[in-house]
C-alpha cells in the first residue's frame, strides 16, 4: 500500500508542476493521530510498547486535501478538495 501512496503523490506532483507547485520535501505517507503543542520529551519508549499491537484496518472511501494553518491557539483546518473513491 505504501508504494501506491508514494506513486499517487508523485503523480499529483507531476500534474501540479506546470502550475508552479513544487514539493518542499519528500512525501511520507502518514496519518496524524495527534499533535503535541508543547514538546514533552522523547515518547519513543512509550510508543515501543505498542509496536506489535494490531489496530485493525479502515476502508478508504475518499481522500480530502486539507489546509492547516498553525496558530498559537491551535491549528485551523479547512477542506480544499475531496475525491471520492470509485470502487
Protein backbone atom coordinates (compact mmCIF):
# COMPACT_ATOMS: atom_id res chain seq x y z
CA UNK A 1 0.00 0.00 0.00
CA UNK A 2 2.83 2.41 0.88
CA UNK A 3 4.19 2.14 -2.65
CA UNK A 4 0.84 3.01 -4.17
CA UNK A 5 0.52 6.11 -1.99
CA UNK A 6 4.01 7.27 -2.93
CA UNK A 7 3.19 6.66 -6.59
CA UNK A 8 -0.01 8.69 -6.24
CA UNK A 9 1.90 11.54 -4.59
CA UNK A 10 4.42 11.59 -7.45
CA UNK A 11 1.59 11.69 -9.99
CA UNK A 12 -0.01 14.63 -8.16
CA UNK A 13 3.34 16.45 -8.02
CA UNK A 14 3.85 15.98 -11.78
CA UNK A 15 0.35 17.31 -12.53
CA UNK A 16 0.85 20.35 -10.30
CA UNK A 17 4.38 21.20 -11.51
CA UNK A 18 3.18 23.10 -14.64
CA UNK A 19 1.07 25.28 -12.33
CA UNK A 20 4.15 26.32 -10.36
CA UNK A 21 3.74 23.99 -7.40
CA UNK A 22 6.84 22.23 -6.11
CA UNK A 23 7.15 19.83 -3.20
CA UNK A 24 9.30 21.17 -0.38
CA UNK A 25 10.09 17.70 0.98
CA UNK A 26 9.79 14.01 0.17
CA UNK A 27 6.28 12.61 0.60
CA UNK A 28 5.95 10.21 3.51
CA UNK A 29 2.52 8.54 3.80
CA UNK A 30 1.17 9.00 7.30
CA UNK A 31 -1.86 9.55 9.44
CA UNK A 32 -1.72 12.24 12.07
CA UNK A 33 -3.12 10.64 15.21
CA UNK A 34 -2.37 13.57 17.47
CA UNK A 35 -0.20 16.65 17.69
CA UNK A 36 1.80 17.75 20.68
CA UNK A 37 1.64 21.51 21.08
CA UNK A 38 4.39 21.74 23.69
CA UNK A 39 7.22 19.26 23.41
CA UNK A 40 7.16 16.98 26.44
CA UNK A 41 10.29 14.97 25.78
CA UNK A 42 11.03 11.73 24.00
CA UNK A 43 7.99 9.43 23.80
CA UNK A 44 9.79 6.67 21.88
CA UNK A 45 9.75 4.24 24.82
CA UNK A 46 6.02 4.76 25.25
CA UNK A 47 5.35 4.10 21.54
CA UNK A 48 7.53 0.97 21.51
CA UNK A 49 5.08 -0.65 23.93
CA UNK A 50 2.51 -0.71 21.11
CA UNK A 51 4.78 -1.64 18.19
CA UNK A 52 3.27 -5.13 17.84
CA UNK A 53 -0.30 -4.06 18.52
CA UNK A 54 -2.94 -4.63 15.82
CA UNK A 55 -5.21 -1.63 15.45
CA UNK A 56 -7.40 -3.05 12.68
CA UNK A 57 -7.98 -1.75 9.19
CA UNK A 58 -10.00 1.02 7.65
CA UNK A 59 -11.69 1.12 4.26
CA UNK A 60 -10.90 4.37 2.46
CA UNK A 61 -13.93 5.92 0.75
CA UNK A 62 -12.20 9.09 -0.38
CA UNK A 63 -9.32 11.49 0.11
CA UNK A 64 -9.61 15.02 1.42
CA UNK A 65 -6.92 17.54 0.69
CA UNK A 66 -6.67 19.68 3.80
CA UNK A 67 -5.13 23.02 4.57
CA UNK A 68 -3.86 23.62 8.08
CA UNK A 69 -2.86 26.98 9.48
CA UNK A 70 -0.97 26.65 12.73
CA UNK A 71 -1.85 29.40 15.19
CA UNK A 72 -0.89 29.95 18.85
CA UNK A 73 -4.38 28.79 19.88
CA UNK A 74 -4.19 25.64 17.75
CA UNK A 75 -4.44 24.56 14.11
CA UNK A 76 -7.24 25.77 11.86
CA UNK A 77 -8.24 23.15 9.28
CA UNK A 78 -10.20 23.61 6.09
CA UNK A 79 -11.03 21.25 3.22
CA UNK A 80 -9.51 22.15 -0.12
CA UNK A 81 -10.98 19.30 -2.16
CA UNK A 82 -12.47 15.84 -1.67
CA UNK A 83 -12.11 12.96 -4.11
CA UNK A 84 -14.50 10.05 -3.60
CA UNK A 85 -13.26 6.50 -4.19
CA UNK A 86 -14.55 4.92 -7.38
CA UNK A 87 -14.93 1.39 -6.02
